[in-house]
Amino acid sequence: MLELQRREPGRKRLRISKWLTCAVAALLVLSCYAHAAEQVLQHRRVQEILPRVFVEGKVSRGFKVSNKFLADLDGTELTLRDIAQDRVCVIVFWAPWNLDSVMLLQGIQRVSENLAAKDLGGAVVFLPISDVGIDDVPTVLRARDSYGLTLPMYIDVKHELFDYFDVTAIPLTLIVNRKGEVIYRIVGYMQWENTAVENELLSIVNQAQE
């Protein structure tokens, strides 16, 4: 009997130790869930806020776009007005050898796909323009195919657009409203997969329709 009584405290300590282990494990699990939930909320908050570079790119006074010439990858000459057809335009000056440019186009392409999924694809036209000649079209094609880009590509053979918009660094993104006015000039890379950015584009579309 004495021997059994001596063993009992040890069993109690073992049970307490097991309960403590379970409690600590439960707290760790709850902590992980809380951290994951906070990350999700933070991601949603970021998605609901316009990127700083986007906000800073807003032009205080919009200016009309001159109807300059550009060409598609087949060499057919077009004008900005021919392509825009009174739609909101997102013009991206890029280069196939510039990774920031390529990543930006990948993001813009996903925005284009999101708008198309909402039956709004025709409201905004996206124009990637590179400063290359006809002889360099194969380079553009290789970049397009390698990075899975499906947006229609254009080239500024005569360097008219790059000069007119004073493009000194790429990527450079211009947002043009349906009146043909540049209202955003965004310098450098920007994360385009953002709910707030898509909403702003749609807001520009709606303003133009008023």
Protein backbone atom coordinates (compact mmCIF):
# COMPACT_ATOMS: atom_id res chain seq x y z
CA MET A 1 0.00 0.00 0.00
CA LEU A 2 2.81 2.34 0.88
CA GLU A 3 4.49 1.58 -2.43
CA LEU A 4 1.31 2.41 -4.35
CA GLN A 5 0.95 5.69 -2.48
CA ARG A 6 4.49 6.60 -3.38
CA ARG A 7 3.81 6.05 -7.08
CA GLU A 8 0.66 8.20 -7.14
CA PRO A 9 2.40 11.63 -7.07
CA GLY A 10 4.49 10.56 -10.04
CA ARG A 11 1.38 9.68 -12.01
CA LYS A 12 -0.16 13.05 -11.16
CA ARG A 13 2.97 14.83 -12.34
CA LEU A 14 2.84 12.84 -15.59
CA ARG A 15 -0.80 13.77 -16.15
CA ILE A 16 -0.07 17.45 -15.46
CA SER A 17 2.88 17.36 -17.84
CA LYS A 18 0.69 15.89 -20.60
CA TRP A 19 -1.96 18.57 -20.04
CA LEU A 20 0.68 21.30 -20.19
CA THR A 21 2.08 19.89 -23.42
CA CYS A 22 -1.40 19.81 -24.97
CA ALA A 23 -2.11 23.36 -23.81
CA VAL A 24 1.15 24.68 -25.27
CA ALA A 25 0.47 22.88 -28.56
CA ALA A 26 -3.05 24.35 -28.70
CA LEU A 27 -1.68 27.85 -28.08
CA LEU A 28 0.87 27.40 -30.86
CA VAL A 29 -1.86 26.30 -33.28
CA LEU A 30 -4.05 29.26 -32.33
CA SER A 31 -1.08 31.59 -32.75
CA CYS A 32 -0.42 30.22 -36.24
CA TYR A 33 -4.08 30.66 -37.21
CA ALA A 34 -4.08 34.22 -35.86
CA HIS A 35 -0.91 35.05 -37.79
CA ALA A 36 -2.35 33.58 -41.00
CA ALA A 37 -5.60 35.51 -40.52
CA GLU A 38 -3.66 38.73 -39.99
CA GLN A 39 -1.70 38.14 -43.20
CA VAL A 40 -4.93 37.61 -45.14
CA LEU A 41 -6.41 40.82 -43.72
CA GLN A 42 -3.22 42.73 -44.48
CA HIS A 43 -3.25 41.42 -48.07
CA ARG A 44 -6.87 42.54 -48.44
CA ARG A 45 -6.03 45.98 -47.06
CA VAL A 46 -3.15 46.32 -49.54
CA GLN A 47 -5.44 45.22 -52.38
CA GLU A 48 -7.90 47.97 -51.43
CA ILE A 49 -5.30 50.75 -51.52
CA LEU A 50 -3.88 52.31 -54.69
CA PRO A 51 -0.10 51.82 -54.94
CA ARG A 52 1.87 54.92 -54.07
CA VAL A 53 3.52 55.07 -57.50
CA PHE A 54 0.04 55.03 -59.07
CA VAL A 55 -1.20 57.91 -56.91
CA GLU A 56 1.97 59.94 -57.55
CA GLY A 57 1.54 59.38 -61.28
CA LYS A 58 -1.72 61.32 -61.47
CA VAL A 59 -1.30 64.27 -63.81
CA SER A 60 -2.52 67.53 -62.28
CA ARG A 61 -3.73 68.77 -65.64
CA GLY A 62 -4.50 66.29 -68.40
CA PHE A 63 -3.08 66.95 -71.85
CA LYS A 64 -4.28 65.76 -75.23
CA VAL A 65 -2.48 62.92 -76.95
CA SER A 66 -1.20 63.75 -80.40
CA ASN A 67 -2.36 61.24 -83.01
CA LYS A 68 1.09 59.75 -83.69
CA PHE A 69 1.85 56.70 -85.81
CA LEU A 70 2.91 53.28 -84.58
CA ALA A 71 2.96 49.83 -86.16
CA ASP A 72 1.86 46.34 -85.27
CA LEU A 73 4.32 43.45 -85.47
CA ASP A 74 3.42 42.87 -89.12
CA GLY A 75 4.59 46.38 -89.95
CA THR A 76 1.10 47.79 -90.57
CA GLU A 77 1.00 51.47 -89.63
CA LEU A 78 -1.76 52.67 -87.32
CA THR A 79 -2.51 55.73 -85.26
CA LEU A 80 -3.35 55.89 -81.58
CA ARG A 81 -6.83 57.06 -82.53
CA ASP A 82 -7.31 54.05 -84.81
CA ILE A 83 -6.57 51.68 -81.94
CA ALA A 84 -8.22 53.57 -79.09
CA GLN A 85 -11.57 54.14 -80.81
CA ASP A 86 -12.77 56.36 -77.95
CA ARG A 87 -11.84 53.81 -75.28
CA VAL A 88 -9.70 54.27 -72.19
CA CYS A 89 -6.10 53.42 -73.13
CA VAL A 90 -3.28 52.07 -71.01
CA ILE A 91 -0.07 52.70 -72.98
CA VAL A 92 3.02 50.86 -71.76
CA PHE A 93 6.45 51.79 -73.08
CA TRP A 94 8.62 48.75 -72.56
CA ALA A 95 11.57 46.76 -73.90
CA PRO A 96 11.80 42.98 -74.35
CA TRP A 97 15.17 42.86 -72.59
CA ASN A 98 13.98 44.78 -69.51
CA LEU A 99 12.67 42.45 -66.77
CA ASP A 100 10.69 45.16 -64.95
CA SER A 101 8.90 45.88 -68.22
CA VAL A 102 8.08 42.24 -68.78
CA MET A 103 6.81 41.74 -65.21
CA LEU A 104 4.67 44.87 -65.51
CA LEU A 105 3.12 43.57 -68.74
CA GLN A 106 2.38 40.22 -67.10
CA GLY A 107 0.47 42.04 -64.36
CA ILE A 108 -1.37 44.24 -66.85
CA GLN A 109 -2.29 41.17 -68.87
CA ARG A 110 -3.93 39.62 -65.81
CA VAL A 111 -5.87 42.85 -65.24
CA SER A 112 -7.02 42.66 -68.86
CA GLU A 113 -8.13 39.06 -68.32
CA ASN A 114 -9.98 40.02 -65.13
CA LEU A 115 -11.86 42.77 -66.96
CA ALA A 116 -12.69 40.41 -69.81
CA ALA A 117 -14.08 37.89 -67.32
CA LYS A 118 -16.46 40.62 -66.13
CA ASP A 119 -17.50 41.41 -69.73
CA LEU A 120 -15.59 44.70 -69.48
CA GLY A 121 -12.71 43.79 -71.76
CA GLY A 122 -13.83 46.21 -74.44
CA ALA A 123 -13.86 49.18 -72.08
CA VAL A 124 -10.08 49.48 -71.78
CA VAL A 125 -7.43 48.87 -74.44
CA PHE A 126 -3.86 47.99 -73.44
CA LEU A 127 -1.03 49.07 -75.76
CA PRO A 128 2.48 47.71 -75.10
CA ILE A 129 4.85 49.73 -77.30
CA SER A 130 8.56 49.00 -77.73
CA ASP A 131 11.13 51.24 -79.38
CA VAL A 132 12.43 48.84 -82.01
CA GLY A 133 12.56 48.67 -85.77
CA ILE A 134 11.02 46.09 -88.06
CA ASP A 135 14.29 44.13 -88.05
CA ASP A 136 14.01 43.70 -84.27
CA VAL A 137 10.47 42.29 -84.32
CA PRO A 138 11.79 38.70 -83.80
CA THR A 139 13.22 39.85 -80.46
CA VAL A 140 9.81 41.13 -79.39
CA LEU A 141 8.17 37.91 -80.54
CA ARG A 142 10.63 35.77 -78.58
CA ALA A 143 10.01 37.81 -75.42
CA ARG A 144 6.26 37.66 -75.95
CA ASP A 145 6.24 33.90 -76.38
CA SER A 146 8.82 33.17 -73.66
CA TYR A 147 6.92 35.11 -71.01
CA GLY A 148 3.43 34.02 -72.06
CA LEU A 149 2.28 37.47 -73.15
CA THR A 150 -0.85 37.52 -75.28
CA LEU A 151 -1.56 41.26 -75.44
CA PRO A 152 -1.29 42.79 -78.93
CA MET A 153 2.19 44.30 -79.33
CA TYR A 154 3.17 47.49 -81.14
CA ILE A 155 6.44 49.13 -82.15
CA ASP A 156 7.49 52.76 -82.43
CA VAL A 157 9.49 52.44 -85.64
CA LYS A 158 9.93 56.19 -86.17
CA HIS A 159 10.59 56.92 -82.49
CA GLU A 160 7.73 59.44 -82.61
CA LEU A 161 5.89 58.29 -79.49
CA PHE A 162 9.00 57.88 -77.36
CA ASP A 163 10.07 61.41 -78.29
CA TYR A 164 6.61 62.94 -77.94
CA PHE A 165 6.06 61.51 -74.46
CA ASP A 166 9.69 62.14 -73.44
CA VAL A 167 10.31 58.51 -72.52
CA THR A 168 13.72 58.49 -70.85
CA ALA A 169 13.29 55.36 -68.72
CA ILE A 170 11.22 52.20 -68.97
CA PRO A 171 8.76 50.95 -68.09
CA LEU A 172 6.57 54.01 -68.41
CA THR A 173 2.78 53.69 -68.27
CA LEU A 174 0.28 56.28 -69.46
CA ILE A 175 -3.45 56.12 -68.81
CA VAL A 176 -5.47 58.04 -71.38
CA ASN A 177 -9.17 58.75 -70.91
CA ARG A 178 -11.78 58.55 -73.67
CA LYS A 179 -11.30 62.24 -74.42
CA GLY A 180 -7.73 61.46 -75.43
CA GLU A 181 -6.19 63.11 -72.38
CA VAL A 182 -3.26 61.67 -70.45
CA ILE A 183 -4.38 61.60 -66.82
CA TYR A 184 -1.73 59.27 -65.34
CA ARG A 185 2.00 59.04 -66.03
CA ILE A 186 3.40 56.16 -63.98
CA VAL A 187 7.18 55.81 -63.99
CA GLY A 188 8.75 52.42 -63.27
CA TYR A 189 7.39 49.08 -62.19
CA MET A 190 4.05 48.81 -60.41
CA GLN A 191 1.97 45.92 -59.07
CA TRP A 192 -1.11 46.00 -61.30
CA GLU A 193 -2.95 43.04 -59.79
CA ASN A 194 -4.77 45.22 -57.32
CA THR A 195 -8.50 45.59 -56.76
CA ALA A 196 -8.14 49.33 -56.22
CA VAL A 197 -6.31 49.76 -59.54
CA GLU A 198 -9.00 47.85 -61.44
CA ASN A 199 -11.69 49.93 -59.73
CA GLU A 200 -9.85 53.13 -60.66
CA LEU A 201 -9.72 52.04 -64.31
CA LEU A 202 -13.45 51.35 -64.26
CA SER A 203 -14.03 54.70 -62.59
CA ILE A 204 -12.18 56.39 -65.48
CA VAL A 205 -14.37 54.47 -67.93
CA ASN A 206 -17.54 55.58 -66.14
CA GLN A 207 -16.39 59.20 -65.93
CA ALA A 208 -15.83 59.22 -69.66
CA GLN A 209 -19.35 57.94 -70.26
CA GLU A 210 -21.01 60.65 -68.21
